[in-house]
Amino acid sequence: METITNIIEHTLNMEKYFKNQKVCFMDIETTGLNRNNSAIYLIGLLYFNESTENWVLNQYFANNINKELDVLNKFIQDLSIFDKIITFNGDSFDIPFIEHRLRKYDVDYVFDKGKSFDIYQIIRKNRLYLNLPNLKLKTIEQSLGFIREDKYTGGDCIKFYYDYIKSKNLLLKEDILRHNYDDLVHMLDIIVILDILDEKKSIYINSIDKSTKLVIESIEKCGDILNISGILDNELKNNIKYYGEGYSVVTKDFNNICLSIEFKEGFISKEQKCIYIDTNQIYDLQHIRDLTEYRLPPNIIILTIEKTYHMDNIKNLVKEMLKNVL
């Protein structure tokens, strides 16, 4: 087993996302997807070194398949100093895979689930805000303006690894390490998707004496009612129970808020379904105008198209519902 170290220059400031926490990024390479029959031959650990003020990537590499335990032991030893472990699909793949392989060697080690931060799961949970065709790492990178041309896949690297074990061809090893390197370093880029989600889910309601921020926690359909739940950054003096024509606003604990509104379903095109509201039937909301690119009657406000929220319309709707309540 050997450790390959790379120094990486990047401007990402993790304090913005994880204040006063020591954070690392982690990614593994395996000889297959089956935890029973496949081994881990490479683990990458990326972290910010405060003393040198740059990012450090340590890659723990098994030069032979029988060195898997050495890789695992070195990794969990170095992992112990971190408060947060960031992965892409690590909750479903990397972390259970590592735990399973450690059990094979009778090593009693379990990840602290509170330390895990899985970017993939965050994006998956919020995919309706993002309008992504799929949740592949490369697709997410492209949506953020980062284009990389992968020469090889994880599947390619499996073949490279077995060939490397036989031939010790250093070019094969370099290709494997580069694939792992790229996946980890590009996680530094896609972490900004948290800012995008925050912007999409944040609504600012301005009144005469203050501005209140509402962060949407969930948007759910229940029958013909759309429920929008969120958290207010300022506690209210009193809880609200407001029932208007076709909608309601209810708060609890002085900052948890739920807005409910009746919607209709239809087609925005021959193939695309949508849900919408008709402001002719909701008197208090007749000032809202639709912000989609479609030519619609002035009383129709689109809320979702297929499986994507139209957040500009939803934000305007929420502001109007709250205007006379907060």
Protein backbone atom coordinates (compact mmCIF):
# COMPACT_ATOMS: atom_id res chain seq x y z
CA MET A 1 0.00 0.00 0.00
CA GLU A 2 1.20 3.51 -0.74
CA THR A 3 -0.10 7.01 -0.19
CA ILE A 4 0.06 9.41 -3.13
CA THR A 5 -0.28 13.08 -2.14
CA ASN A 6 -1.31 15.96 -4.41
CA ILE A 7 -1.43 19.66 -3.52
CA ILE A 8 -4.43 21.43 -5.09
CA GLU A 9 -5.06 25.14 -5.46
CA HIS A 10 -8.75 26.04 -5.10
CA THR A 11 -10.59 29.10 -3.78
CA LEU A 12 -13.42 27.23 -2.03
CA ASN A 13 -13.99 28.43 1.55
CA MET A 14 -15.66 25.63 3.51
CA GLU A 15 -16.34 27.91 6.49
CA LYS A 16 -19.21 29.30 4.45
CA TYR A 17 -20.97 25.92 4.54
CA PHE A 18 -19.56 24.18 7.63
CA LYS A 19 -18.57 26.76 10.20
CA ASN A 20 -15.90 25.73 12.71
CA GLN A 21 -15.79 22.17 11.39
CA LYS A 22 -12.91 20.21 9.93
CA VAL A 23 -14.20 18.83 6.64
CA CYS A 24 -12.98 16.25 4.13
CA PHE A 25 -14.18 14.84 0.80
CA MET A 26 -14.00 11.09 0.23
CA ASP A 27 -14.33 8.77 -2.78
CA ILE A 28 -13.51 5.09 -3.29
CA GLU A 29 -12.61 2.88 -6.25
CA THR A 30 -13.57 -0.79 -6.15
CA THR A 31 -13.10 -3.89 -8.28
CA GLY A 32 -16.89 -4.21 -8.67
CA LEU A 33 -20.26 -3.31 -7.13
CA ASN A 34 -20.76 -6.42 -4.99
CA ARG A 35 -19.41 -5.82 -1.48
CA ASN A 36 -18.95 -9.53 -0.86
CA ASN A 37 -16.89 -10.30 -3.92
CA SER A 38 -15.28 -6.93 -4.72
CA ALA A 39 -12.42 -5.15 -2.99
CA ILE A 40 -11.53 -1.52 -2.39
CA TYR A 41 -8.21 -0.77 -4.04
CA LEU A 42 -8.16 3.05 -3.79
CA ILE A 43 -9.57 5.62 -1.38
CA GLY A 44 -9.16 9.34 -1.97
CA LEU A 45 -9.31 11.80 0.94
CA LEU A 46 -9.35 15.52 0.13
CA TYR A 47 -9.11 18.20 2.81
CA PHE A 48 -7.97 21.78 3.41
CA ASN A 49 -4.65 22.16 5.20
CA GLU A 50 -4.94 25.34 7.27
CA SER A 51 -1.21 25.63 7.94
CA THR A 52 -0.26 25.60 4.24
CA GLU A 53 -3.59 27.15 3.08
CA ASN A 54 -4.16 24.73 0.24
CA TRP A 55 -6.10 21.56 -0.47
CA VAL A 56 -4.41 18.21 0.00
CA LEU A 57 -5.51 14.99 -1.70
CA ASN A 58 -4.22 11.76 -0.20
CA GLN A 59 -4.84 8.65 -2.30
CA TYR A 60 -4.42 5.35 -0.49
CA PHE A 61 -3.61 2.83 -3.21
CA ALA A 62 -3.29 -0.96 -3.00
CA ASN A 63 -0.46 -1.95 -5.31
CA ASN A 64 -1.67 -5.50 -4.84
CA ILE A 65 -5.18 -6.74 -4.13
CA ASN A 66 -4.09 -8.32 -0.85
CA LYS A 67 -3.26 -4.85 0.49
CA GLU A 68 -6.93 -3.84 0.83
CA LEU A 69 -6.85 -3.99 4.63
CA ASP A 70 -3.79 -1.73 4.74
CA VAL A 71 -5.66 0.82 2.62
CA LEU A 72 -8.72 0.64 4.89
CA ASN A 73 -6.72 0.93 8.11
CA LYS A 74 -4.70 3.90 6.89
CA PHE A 75 -7.87 5.61 5.69
CA ILE A 76 -9.87 5.24 8.93
CA GLN A 77 -6.82 6.33 10.92
CA ASP A 78 -6.56 9.59 8.95
CA LEU A 79 -10.34 10.06 8.88
CA SER A 80 -10.62 10.32 12.66
CA ILE A 81 -9.71 14.02 12.83
CA PHE A 82 -12.60 15.21 10.63
CA ASP A 83 -15.99 16.48 11.79
CA LYS A 84 -17.75 16.14 8.43
CA ILE A 85 -17.27 13.68 5.54
CA ILE A 86 -18.55 14.86 2.18
CA THR A 87 -19.30 12.32 -0.54
CA PHE A 88 -21.28 11.92 -3.74
CA ASN A 89 -23.64 8.99 -3.09
CA GLY A 90 -21.49 7.92 -0.16
CA ASP A 91 -24.44 7.11 2.11
CA SER A 92 -25.62 4.43 -0.31
CA PHE A 93 -22.34 3.21 -1.77
CA ASP A 94 -18.96 4.32 -0.36
CA ILE A 95 -19.70 4.20 3.37
CA PRO A 96 -21.60 0.86 3.45
CA PHE A 97 -18.96 -0.63 1.14
CA ILE A 98 -16.12 0.40 3.47
CA GLU A 99 -17.95 -0.88 6.56
CA HIS A 100 -18.68 -4.20 4.89
CA ARG A 101 -15.08 -4.71 3.81
CA LEU A 102 -13.83 -3.87 7.31
CA ARG A 103 -16.20 -6.48 8.80
CA LYS A 104 -14.67 -9.02 6.43
CA TYR A 105 -11.37 -8.43 8.24
CA ASP A 106 -13.04 -8.43 11.69
CA VAL A 107 -12.35 -4.71 12.14
CA ASP A 108 -15.02 -3.20 14.36
CA TYR A 109 -15.58 0.20 12.77
CA VAL A 110 -18.82 2.06 12.05
CA PHE A 111 -19.09 5.51 10.52
CA ASP A 112 -20.69 8.22 12.64
CA LYS A 113 -23.78 8.92 10.50
CA GLY A 114 -23.94 12.45 11.91
CA LYS A 115 -20.64 13.22 10.20
CA SER A 116 -21.84 12.24 6.73
CA PHE A 117 -22.88 14.87 4.19
CA ASP A 118 -23.92 13.25 0.91
CA ILE A 119 -24.16 15.82 -1.90
CA TYR A 120 -26.02 13.35 -4.09
CA GLN A 121 -28.75 12.81 -1.49
CA ILE A 122 -29.15 16.57 -0.98
CA ILE A 123 -29.54 17.09 -4.73
CA ARG A 124 -31.85 14.08 -5.06
CA LYS A 125 -34.09 15.40 -2.31
CA ASN A 126 -34.24 18.82 -4.00
CA ARG A 127 -34.13 17.78 -7.68
CA LEU A 128 -37.50 19.42 -8.45
CA TYR A 129 -35.91 22.81 -7.78
CA LEU A 130 -33.02 22.19 -10.18
CA ASN A 131 -34.47 20.95 -13.50
CA LEU A 132 -31.73 18.38 -14.09
CA PRO A 133 -32.20 15.62 -16.71
CA ASN A 134 -30.43 13.15 -14.39
CA LEU A 135 -28.36 13.17 -11.21
CA LYS A 136 -25.02 12.01 -12.59
CA LEU A 137 -21.99 13.88 -11.27
CA LYS A 138 -21.00 14.96 -14.77
CA THR A 139 -24.53 16.31 -15.49
CA ILE A 140 -24.49 18.33 -12.28
CA GLU A 141 -21.06 19.73 -13.16
CA GLN A 142 -22.29 20.77 -16.61
CA SER A 143 -25.37 22.48 -15.12
CA LEU A 144 -22.97 24.59 -13.05
CA GLY A 145 -20.80 25.46 -16.04
CA PHE A 146 -17.97 23.01 -15.37
CA ILE A 147 -17.11 20.91 -18.40
CA ARG A 148 -14.71 17.99 -18.17
CA GLU A 149 -14.04 15.29 -20.70
CA ASP A 150 -13.62 12.02 -18.84
CA LYS A 151 -11.37 9.70 -20.75
CA TYR A 152 -12.31 6.77 -18.54
CA THR A 153 -15.11 5.52 -16.29
CA GLY A 154 -15.00 3.67 -12.99
CA GLY A 155 -15.69 0.51 -14.96
CA ASP A 156 -12.67 1.17 -17.17
CA CYS A 157 -10.53 1.57 -14.07
CA ILE A 158 -11.46 -1.90 -12.83
CA LYS A 159 -9.89 -3.42 -15.94
CA PHE A 160 -6.94 -1.04 -15.66
CA TYR A 161 -6.36 -2.14 -12.06
CA TYR A 162 -6.31 -5.86 -12.83
CA ASP A 163 -4.02 -5.20 -15.78
CA TYR A 164 -1.78 -3.07 -13.56
CA ILE A 165 -1.48 -5.84 -10.95
CA LYS A 166 -0.16 -8.16 -13.65
CA SER A 167 2.02 -5.75 -15.63
CA LYS A 168 2.90 -2.98 -13.11
CA ASN A 169 2.43 -0.56 -16.02
CA LEU A 170 2.64 2.87 -14.37
CA LEU A 171 0.52 4.48 -17.10
CA LEU A 172 -2.43 2.32 -16.03
CA LYS A 173 -1.91 3.38 -12.43
CA GLU A 174 -1.80 7.05 -13.44
CA ASP A 175 -5.12 6.72 -15.30
CA ILE A 176 -6.75 5.16 -12.23
CA LEU A 177 -5.42 7.83 -9.89
CA ARG A 178 -6.48 10.58 -12.30
CA HIS A 179 -10.04 9.31 -12.43
CA ASN A 180 -10.28 9.37 -8.63
CA TYR A 181 -8.53 12.77 -8.54
CA ASP A 182 -11.03 14.30 -10.98
CA ASP A 183 -14.07 13.00 -9.09
CA LEU A 184 -12.82 14.45 -5.82
CA VAL A 185 -11.54 17.80 -7.09
CA HIS A 186 -14.78 18.44 -8.98
CA MET A 187 -16.68 18.00 -5.72
CA LEU A 188 -15.02 21.26 -4.68
CA ASP A 189 -16.79 22.85 -7.64
CA ILE A 190 -20.25 21.36 -7.22
CA ILE A 191 -20.58 22.25 -3.53
CA VAL A 192 -21.80 25.65 -4.77
CA ILE A 193 -25.06 23.93 -5.67
CA LEU A 194 -25.92 24.50 -1.99
CA ASP A 195 -25.90 28.24 -2.73
CA ILE A 196 -28.16 27.70 -5.74
CA LEU A 197 -30.62 25.70 -3.67
CA ASP A 198 -30.58 28.32 -0.92
CA GLU A 199 -31.31 31.05 -3.47
CA LYS A 200 -34.12 29.06 -5.09
CA LYS A 201 -35.72 28.17 -1.76
CA SER A 202 -35.36 31.57 -0.06
CA ILE A 203 -38.11 34.17 -0.20
CA TYR A 204 -37.75 37.71 1.17
CA ILE A 205 -40.92 39.43 2.34
CA ASN A 206 -40.49 43.17 2.78
CA SER A 207 -42.71 45.25 5.03
CA ILE A 208 -42.48 48.84 6.23
CA ASP A 209 -40.19 48.16 9.17
CA LYS A 210 -38.37 44.90 8.33
CA SER A 211 -37.48 42.19 5.84
CA THR A 212 -38.33 38.59 6.70
CA LYS A 213 -36.63 35.62 5.09
CA LEU A 214 -38.58 32.42 4.52
CA VAL A 215 -36.62 29.28 3.61
CA ILE A 216 -38.78 26.62 1.97
CA GLU A 217 -38.37 23.20 3.57
CA SER A 218 -40.83 21.23 1.43
CA ILE A 219 -43.45 21.53 -1.31
CA GLU A 220 -45.95 18.67 -1.35
CA LYS A 221 -49.21 17.83 -3.08
CA CYS A 222 -52.09 16.47 -1.01
CA GLY A 223 -55.12 15.85 -3.19
CA ASP A 224 -55.80 19.18 -4.90
CA ILE A 225 -53.91 21.17 -2.25
CA LEU A 226 -50.30 22.31 -2.56
CA ASN A 227 -48.61 22.64 0.84
CA ILE A 228 -45.54 24.87 1.08
CA SER A 229 -43.72 24.58 4.39
CA GLY A 230 -40.77 26.62 5.59
CA ILE A 231 -38.91 28.42 8.34
CA LEU A 232 -39.00 32.17 9.04
CA ASP A 233 -35.70 33.75 10.13
CA ASN A 234 -37.51 36.05 12.58
CA GLU A 235 -39.87 34.70 15.20
CA LEU A 236 -43.39 36.09 15.12
CA LYS A 237 -44.94 37.74 18.15
CA ASN A 238 -48.00 35.54 17.72
CA ASN A 239 -48.80 32.45 15.71
CA ILE A 240 -50.97 32.91 12.63
CA LYS A 241 -54.10 31.08 11.52
CA TYR A 242 -55.40 32.72 8.37
CA TYR A 243 -57.96 31.14 6.05
CA GLY A 244 -58.57 33.04 2.84
CA GLU A 245 -60.52 32.19 -0.28
CA GLY A 246 -58.78 29.11 -1.69
CA TYR A 247 -55.72 29.24 0.55
CA SER A 248 -54.54 29.33 4.14
CA VAL A 249 -51.49 30.42 6.16
CA VAL A 250 -50.78 28.70 9.47
CA THR A 251 -47.74 28.97 11.76
CA LYS A 252 -46.56 27.08 14.82
CA ASP A 253 -43.68 27.66 17.24
CA PHE A 254 -43.65 31.27 15.92
CA ASN A 255 -41.40 30.56 12.92
CA ASN A 256 -42.61 27.31 11.29
CA ILE A 257 -45.03 28.19 8.52
CA CYS A 258 -47.30 26.23 6.19
CA LEU A 259 -49.07 27.80 3.22
CA SER A 260 -51.78 25.74 1.53
CA ILE A 261 -53.47 26.57 -1.76
CA GLU A 262 -55.91 24.82 -4.07
CA PHE A 263 -54.53 24.00 -7.51
CA LYS A 264 -55.71 22.56 -10.80
CA GLU A 265 -54.03 20.11 -13.16
CA GLY A 266 -53.75 20.37 -16.93
CA PHE A 267 -51.40 20.33 -19.90
CA ILE A 268 -49.09 23.21 -20.78
CA SER A 269 -48.37 21.47 -24.10
CA LYS A 270 -49.51 18.29 -25.80
CA GLU A 271 -47.06 16.23 -23.77
CA GLN A 272 -46.22 18.28 -20.65
CA LYS A 273 -48.44 18.16 -17.58
CA CYS A 274 -48.62 21.10 -15.22
CA ILE A 275 -50.33 22.26 -12.08
CA TYR A 276 -51.57 25.83 -11.84
CA ILE A 277 -53.84 28.21 -9.99
CA ASP A 278 -56.65 30.34 -11.41
CA THR A 279 -56.50 33.73 -9.69
CA ASN A 280 -60.06 34.52 -10.83
CA GLN A 281 -61.12 32.05 -8.17
CA ILE A 282 -58.79 33.42 -5.48
CA TYR A 283 -59.60 37.08 -4.97
CA ASP A 284 -56.59 38.04 -2.83
CA LEU A 285 -54.08 36.81 -5.45
CA GLN A 286 -55.29 38.59 -8.58
CA HIS A 287 -52.23 40.86 -8.74
CA ILE A 288 -49.86 37.99 -9.57
CA ARG A 289 -48.71 37.46 -13.16
CA ASP A 290 -47.25 34.29 -14.66
CA LEU A 291 -43.49 34.42 -15.32
CA THR A 292 -43.13 31.41 -17.61
CA GLU A 293 -42.41 31.80 -21.32
CA TYR A 294 -45.87 30.55 -22.27
CA ARG A 295 -48.68 32.77 -23.54
CA LEU A 296 -51.38 32.29 -20.94
CA PRO A 297 -54.53 34.09 -19.80
CA PRO A 298 -53.62 36.65 -17.11
CA ASN A 299 -55.43 34.64 -14.44
CA ILE A 300 -53.36 31.44 -14.92
CA ILE A 301 -50.21 30.95 -12.84
CA ILE A 302 -48.08 27.87 -13.51
CA LEU A 303 -46.62 26.22 -10.41
CA THR A 304 -45.02 23.06 -11.83
CA ILE A 305 -44.30 21.69 -15.29
CA GLU A 306 -43.84 17.93 -15.26
CA LYS A 307 -41.54 17.32 -12.26
CA THR A 308 -40.01 20.78 -12.00
CA TYR A 309 -41.16 23.65 -9.81
CA HIS A 310 -41.46 27.08 -11.38
CA MET A 311 -39.87 28.87 -8.45
CA ASP A 312 -40.35 32.46 -9.66
CA ASN A 313 -44.11 31.93 -9.75
CA ILE A 314 -44.13 30.06 -6.44
CA LYS A 315 -42.12 32.83 -4.78
CA ASN A 316 -44.47 35.51 -6.05
CA LEU A 317 -47.41 33.44 -4.90
CA VAL A 318 -45.96 33.04 -1.40
CA LYS A 319 -45.15 36.76 -1.14
CA GLU A 320 -48.71 37.67 -2.08
CA MET A 321 -50.18 35.16 0.39
CA LEU A 322 -48.01 36.59 3.18
CA LYS A 323 -48.31 40.27 2.30
CA ASN A 324 -51.27 40.99 4.51
CA VAL A 325 -50.47 38.38 7.14
CA LEU A 326 -46.93 39.03 8.43
